[in-house]
C-alpha atoms as a PDB file:
ATOM      1  CA  MET A   1     129.078  73.490 114.810  1.00  0.00           C
ATOM      2  CA  ALA A   2     131.322  74.986 113.252  1.00  0.00           C
ATOM      3  CA  ASN A   3     134.683  76.797 115.582  1.00  0.00           C
ATOM      4  CA  GLN A   4     133.680  79.901 116.862  1.00  0.00           C
ATOM      5  CA  ARG A   5     135.619  82.505 116.835  1.00  0.00           C
ATOM      6  CA  TYR A   6     133.777  85.254 119.218  1.00  0.00           C
ATOM      7  CA  THR A   7     131.772  83.848 123.202  1.00  0.00           C
ATOM      8  CA  TYR A   8     128.273  84.093 123.372  1.00  0.00           C
ATOM      9  CA  LYS A   9     128.934  86.723 125.834  1.00  0.00           C
ATOM     10  CA  GLU A  10     131.441  88.780 123.781  1.00  0.00           C
ATOM     11  CA  VAL A  11     128.861  88.818 120.955  1.00  0.00           C
ATOM     12  CA  LYS A  12     126.225  89.730 123.545  1.00  0.00           C
ATOM     13  CA  LYS A  13     128.229  92.438 125.172  1.00  0.00           C
ATOM     14  CA  ALA A  14     129.554  93.911 122.225  1.00  0.00           C
ATOM     15  CA  LEU A  15     125.290  94.079 121.028  1.00  0.00           C
ATOM     16  CA  GLN A  16     125.070  96.125 123.998  1.00  0.00           C
ATOM     17  CA  GLU A  17     127.764  98.620 124.372  1.00  0.00           C
ATOM     18  CA  ALA A  18     126.482  99.054 120.037  1.00  0.00           C
ATOM     19  CA  LYS A  19     123.049  99.598 121.709  1.00  0.00           C
ATOM     20  CA  GLY A  20     121.655  96.720 119.218  1.00  0.00           C
ATOM     21  CA  PHE A  21     122.807  97.820 115.654  1.00  0.00           C
ATOM     22  CA  LEU A  22     125.062  95.164 114.362  1.00  0.00           C
ATOM     23  CA  THR A  23     127.573  96.982 111.739  1.00  0.00           C
ATOM     24  CA  VAL A  24     128.690  98.519 115.005  1.00  0.00           C
ATOM     25  CA  ALA A  25     129.057  95.641 117.490  1.00  0.00           C
ATOM     26  CA  ALA A  26     130.419  93.807 114.088  1.00  0.00           C
ATOM     27  CA  ARG A  27     133.470  96.861 113.738  1.00  0.00           C
ATOM     28  CA  SER A  28     133.979  96.073 117.659  1.00  0.00           C
ATOM     29  CA  LEU A  29     134.944  92.627 117.164  1.00  0.00           C
ATOM     30  CA  GLY A  30     136.406  92.742 114.200  1.00  0.00           C
ATOM     31  CA  CYS A  31     133.926  91.000 111.963  1.00  0.00           C
ATOM     32  CA  ILE A  32     131.548  92.009 109.999  1.00  0.00           C
ATOM     33  CA  SER A  33     127.600  92.038 110.329  1.00  0.00           C
ATOM     34  CA  LEU A  34     126.805  88.043 108.769  1.00  0.00           C
ATOM     35  CA  THR A  35     128.946  87.076 111.542  1.00  0.00           C
ATOM     36  CA  ILE A  36     126.593  89.068 114.078  1.00  0.00           C
ATOM     37  CA  LEU A  37     123.651  87.555 111.870  1.00  0.00           C
ATOM     38  CA  ASN A  38     125.171  84.172 112.370  1.00  0.00           C
ATOM     39  CA  TYR A  39     125.056  84.437 115.962  1.00  0.00           C
ATOM     40  CA  ILE A  40     121.545  85.227 116.816  1.00  0.00           C
ATOM     41  CA  GLU A  41     120.490  82.486 115.014  1.00  0.00           C
ATOM     42  CA  ARG A  42     122.251  80.172 116.748  1.00  0.00           C
ATOM     43  CA  TYR A  43     121.297  82.114 120.458  1.00  0.00           C
ATOM     44  CA  PRO A  44     118.359  83.736 119.443  1.00  0.00           C
ATOM     45  CA  ASP A  45     117.931  85.429 122.701  1.00  0.00           C
ATOM     46  CA  LEU A  46     120.310  88.050 121.035  1.00  0.00           C
ATOM     47  CA  LYS A  47     117.531  88.919 119.180  1.00  0.00           C
ATOM     48  CA  GLN A  48     116.132  90.108 123.206  1.00  0.00           C
ATOM     49  CA  ILE A  49     119.109  91.336 123.640  1.00  0.00           C
ATOM     50  CA  ILE A  50     118.745  94.259 120.613  1.00  0.00           C
ATOM     51  CA  LYS A  51     115.337  94.165 121.312  1.00  0.00           C
ATOM     52  CA  GLU A  52     116.448  95.947 124.307  1.00  0.00           C
ATOM     53  CA  GLU A  53     118.543  98.124 123.642  1.00  0.00           C
ATOM     54  CA  ARG A  54     117.024  99.619 120.555  1.00  0.00           C
ATOM     55  CA  GLU A  55     114.253 100.063 123.425  1.00  0.00           C
ATOM     56  CA  LYS A  56     116.320 101.851 125.484  1.00  0.00           C
ATOM     57  CA  MET A  57     117.428 104.362 122.838  1.00  0.00           C
ATOM     58  CA  LYS A  58     113.956 105.344 122.012  1.00  0.00           C
ATOM     59  CA  ASP A  59     113.456 105.884 125.925  1.00  0.00           C
ATOM     60  CA  TYR A  60     117.006 107.504 125.712  1.00  0.00           C
ATOM     61  CA  ALA A  61     115.164 109.446 123.130  1.00  0.00           C
ATOM     62  CA  GLU A  62     111.659 110.658 124.133  1.00  0.00           C
ATOM     63  CA  THR A  63     113.858 111.615 127.502  1.00  0.00           C
ATOM     64  CA  THR A  64     116.109 113.872 124.824  1.00  0.00           C
ATOM     65  CA  LEU A  65     112.923 115.730 123.398  1.00  0.00           C
ATOM     66  CA  LEU A  66     111.033 116.283 126.642  1.00  0.00           C
ATOM     67  CA  GLY A  67     114.201 117.571 127.992  1.00  0.00           C
ATOM     68  CA  LYS A  68     113.669 119.713 124.364  1.00  0.00           C
ATOM     69  CA  ILE A  69     110.419 120.641 124.249  1.00  0.00           C
ATOM     70  CA  GLN A  70     110.440 121.639 128.141  1.00  0.00           C
ATOM     71  CA  LYS A  71     113.113 124.326 127.839  1.00  0.00           C
ATOM     72  CA  GLY A  72     110.958 126.220 124.914  1.00  0.00           C
ATOM     73  CA  ASP A  73     112.448 124.119 121.336  1.00  0.00           C
ATOM     74  CA  VAL A  74     109.647 125.225 119.412  1.00  0.00           C
ATOM     75  CA  ALA A  75     110.878 122.844 116.607  1.00  0.00           C
ATOM     76  CA  CYS A  76     111.010 119.695 118.885  1.00  0.00           C
ATOM     77  CA  LEU A  77     107.154 121.197 120.392  1.00  0.00           C
ATOM     78  CA  LEU A  78     106.047 120.306 117.043  1.00  0.00           C
ATOM     79  CA  PHE A  79     108.218 117.599 116.233  1.00  0.00           C
ATOM     80  CA  PHE A  80     106.070 115.454 118.286  1.00  0.00           C
ATOM     81  CA  LEU A  81     102.948 117.075 118.562  1.00  0.00           C
ATOM     82  CA  LYS A  82     103.045 115.752 114.698  1.00  0.00           C
ATOM     83  CA  CYS A  83     103.940 112.271 115.424  1.00  0.00           C
ATOM     84  CA  GLN A  84     102.412 112.078 118.502  1.00  0.00           C
ATOM     85  CA  ALA A  85      98.978 114.621 118.572  1.00  0.00           C
ATOM     86  CA  LYS A  86      97.979 113.260 115.059  1.00  0.00           C
ATOM     87  CA  ASP A  87      94.277 112.835 116.362  1.00  0.00           C
ATOM     88  CA  ARG A  88      94.310 116.503 118.007  1.00  0.00           C
ATOM     89  CA  GLY A  89      94.341 117.878 114.029  1.00  0.00           C
ATOM     90  CA  TYR A  90      98.353 117.934 114.044  1.00  0.00           C
ATOM     91  CA  VAL A  91      99.282 116.103 111.106  1.00  0.00           C
ATOM     92  CA  GLU A  92     102.150 117.158 108.735  1.00  0.00           C
ATOM     93  CA  ARG A  93     100.197 116.848 105.025  1.00  0.00           C
ATOM     94  CA  GLN A  94      99.845 119.868 102.718  1.00  0.00           C
ATOM     95  CA  GLU A  95      96.650 120.804 100.817  1.00  0.00           C
ATOM     96  CA  LEU A  96      96.599 123.152  97.381  1.00  0.00           C
ATOM     97  CA  ALA A  97      93.469 124.346  97.315  1.00  0.00           C
ATOM     98  CA  GLY A  98      92.904 128.358  97.106  1.00  0.00           C
ATOM     99  CA  VAL A  99      89.733 130.622  95.411  1.00  0.00           C
ATOM    100  CA  PRO A 100      89.681 129.484  92.057  1.00  0.00           C
ATOM    101  CA  GLY A 101      91.972 131.985  89.713  1.00  0.00           C
ATOM    102  CA  SER A 102      93.888 133.237  92.560  1.00  0.00           C
ATOM    103  CA  PRO A 103      97.768 132.263  93.694  1.00  0.00           C
ATOM    104  CA  LEU A 104      98.740 129.800  96.159  1.00  0.00           C
ATOM    105  CA  VAL A 105     100.235 131.049  99.274  1.00  0.00           C
ATOM    106  CA  LEU A 106     102.278 128.833 100.761  1.00  0.00           C
ATOM    107  CA  ILE A 107     104.159 128.782 104.477  1.00  0.00           C
ATOM    108  CA  GLN A 108     107.218 126.624 105.434  1.00  0.00           C
ATOM    109  CA  GLU A 109     106.420 125.089 108.276  1.00  0.00           C
ATOM    110  CA  LYS A 110     110.324 126.239 108.914  1.00  0.00           C
ATOM    111  CA  GLU A 111     109.296 130.342 108.133  1.00  0.00           C
ATOM    112  CA  LEU A 112     106.106 129.438 110.500  1.00  0.00           C
ATOM    113  CA  ALA A 113     108.068 128.286 112.843  1.00  0.00           C
ATOM    114  CA  GLU A 114     110.725 131.439 113.040  1.00  0.00           C
ATOM    115  CA  MET A 115     107.822 133.828 112.690  1.00  0.00           C
ATOM    116  CA  THR A 116     107.049 135.730 116.385  1.00  0.00           C
ATOM    117  CA  PRO A 117     103.478 135.652 117.314  1.00  0.00           C
ATOM    118  CA  GLU A 118     102.752 138.612 115.887  1.00  0.00           C
ATOM    119  CA  LEU A 119     103.829 138.744 112.676  1.00  0.00           C
ATOM    120  CA  ALA A 120     102.110 135.321 112.251  1.00  0.00           C
ATOM    121  CA  THR A 121      98.635 137.283 112.773  1.00  0.00           C
ATOM    122  CA  GLN A 122      99.329 140.071 110.393  1.00  0.00           C
ATOM    123  CA  LYS A 123     100.346 137.008 107.672  1.00  0.00           C
ATOM    124  CA  TYR A 124      97.605 135.546 108.570  1.00  0.00           C
ATOM    125  CA  LEU A 125      95.729 138.327 108.633  1.00  0.00           C
ATOM    126  CA  GLU A 126      96.418 139.249 105.737  1.00  0.00           C
ATOM    127  CA  LEU A 127      95.520 135.803 103.235  1.00  0.00           C
ATOM    128  CA  ILE A 128      91.735 136.596 104.385  1.00  0.00           C
ATOM    129  CA  LYS A 129      92.067 139.799 103.798  1.00  0.00           C
ATOM    130  CA  ALA A 130      93.389 138.557  99.889  1.00  0.00           C
ATOM    131  CA  VAL A 131      91.389 135.511 100.036  1.00  0.00           C
ATOM    132  CA  GLU A 132      87.853 137.869 100.706  1.00  0.00           C
ATOM    133  CA  VAL A 133      88.901 139.853  97.946  1.00  0.00           C
ATOM    134  CA  ASN A 134      89.384 137.020  95.973  1.00  0.00           C
ATOM    135  CA  VAL A 135      86.450 135.345  97.168  1.00  0.00           C
ATOM    136  CA  LEU A 136      84.053 138.449  96.260  1.00  0.00           C
ATOM    137  CA  GLU A 137      85.401 138.766  92.894  1.00  0.00           C
ATOM    138  CA  SER A 138      85.598 134.977  91.946  1.00  0.00           C
ATOM    139  CA  ASN A 139      81.866 134.614  92.776  1.00  0.00           C
ATOM    140  CA  PRO A 140      79.735 133.338  90.262  1.00  0.00           C
ATOM    141  CA  ALA A 141      76.716 135.840  90.279  1.00  0.00           C
ATOM    142  CA  ARG A 142      79.388 138.261  89.876  1.00  0.00           C
ATOM    143  CA  GLU A 143      81.099 137.121  86.969  1.00  0.00           C
ATOM    144  CA  ARG A 144      77.839 136.372  85.480  1.00  0.00           C
ATOM    145  CA  LEU A 145      76.322 140.143  85.995  1.00  0.00           C
ATOM    146  CA  ARG A 146      80.076 140.922  84.390  1.00  0.00           C
ATOM    147  CA  LEU A 147      78.968 139.035  81.429  1.00  0.00           C
ATOM    148  CA  GLU A 148      75.758 140.598  81.230  1.00  0.00           C
ATOM    149  CA  GLU A 149      77.232 143.790  81.035  1.00  0.00           C
ATOM    150  CA  ASN A 150      79.298 143.273  78.734  1.00  0.00           C
ATOM    151  CA  SER A 151      76.451 141.441  76.758  1.00  0.00           C
ATOM    152  CA  GLN A 152      74.389 145.082  76.753  1.00  0.00           C
ATOM    153  CA  ASP A 153      77.435 146.671  76.101  1.00  0.00           C
ATOM    154  CA  ASN A 154      78.038 144.723  72.651  1.00  0.00           C
ATOM    155  CA  GLU A 155      73.921 145.384  71.690  1.00  0.00           C
ATOM    156  CA  VAL A 156      74.096 149.048  72.679  1.00  0.00           C
ATOM    157  CA  ASN A 157      77.786 149.073  70.167  1.00  0.00           C
ATOM    158  CA  LYS A 158      75.486 147.184  67.545  1.00  0.00           C
ATOM    159  CA  PHE A 159      73.136 149.443  67.268  1.00  0.00           C
ATOM    160  CA  LYS A 160      75.926 152.842  66.869  1.00  0.00           C
ATOM    161  CA  ARG A 161      77.456 151.271  64.751  1.00  0.00           C
ATOM    162  CA  LYS A 162      74.230 151.168  62.282  1.00  0.00           C
END
């Protein structure tokens, strides 16, 4: 076995202090990440140390997120719902669909998150009204009537020209 520059305990402590991040641990020891990887190969239980430290970081992040949600941080609340409540329909996706012949109306999540409930309701009602109007205007039966009227007007105009 090659001569080791660092002891197992030094590497373990560096990994713990670095929360499992290899480059940070290597920097604290004054070596490169490959050195830490070599120690992990020699001492496989170091993998468990890394895993435990990363789990602690996840716990910390989730606890911090929960605290922000409890304080009313809407962005954190939406983030949580999109990640943890997909089964309830909170899914991050864009669906591009609309009424034929009408422009798509997109509202960015950030814009929506910054709206007051009153403004969001007003925007929603405006969208519904616009969609209803466009649906009525693009109704296939209504379109056929327009074509028939145009056709009849053309026939009448044909007779007037003669």
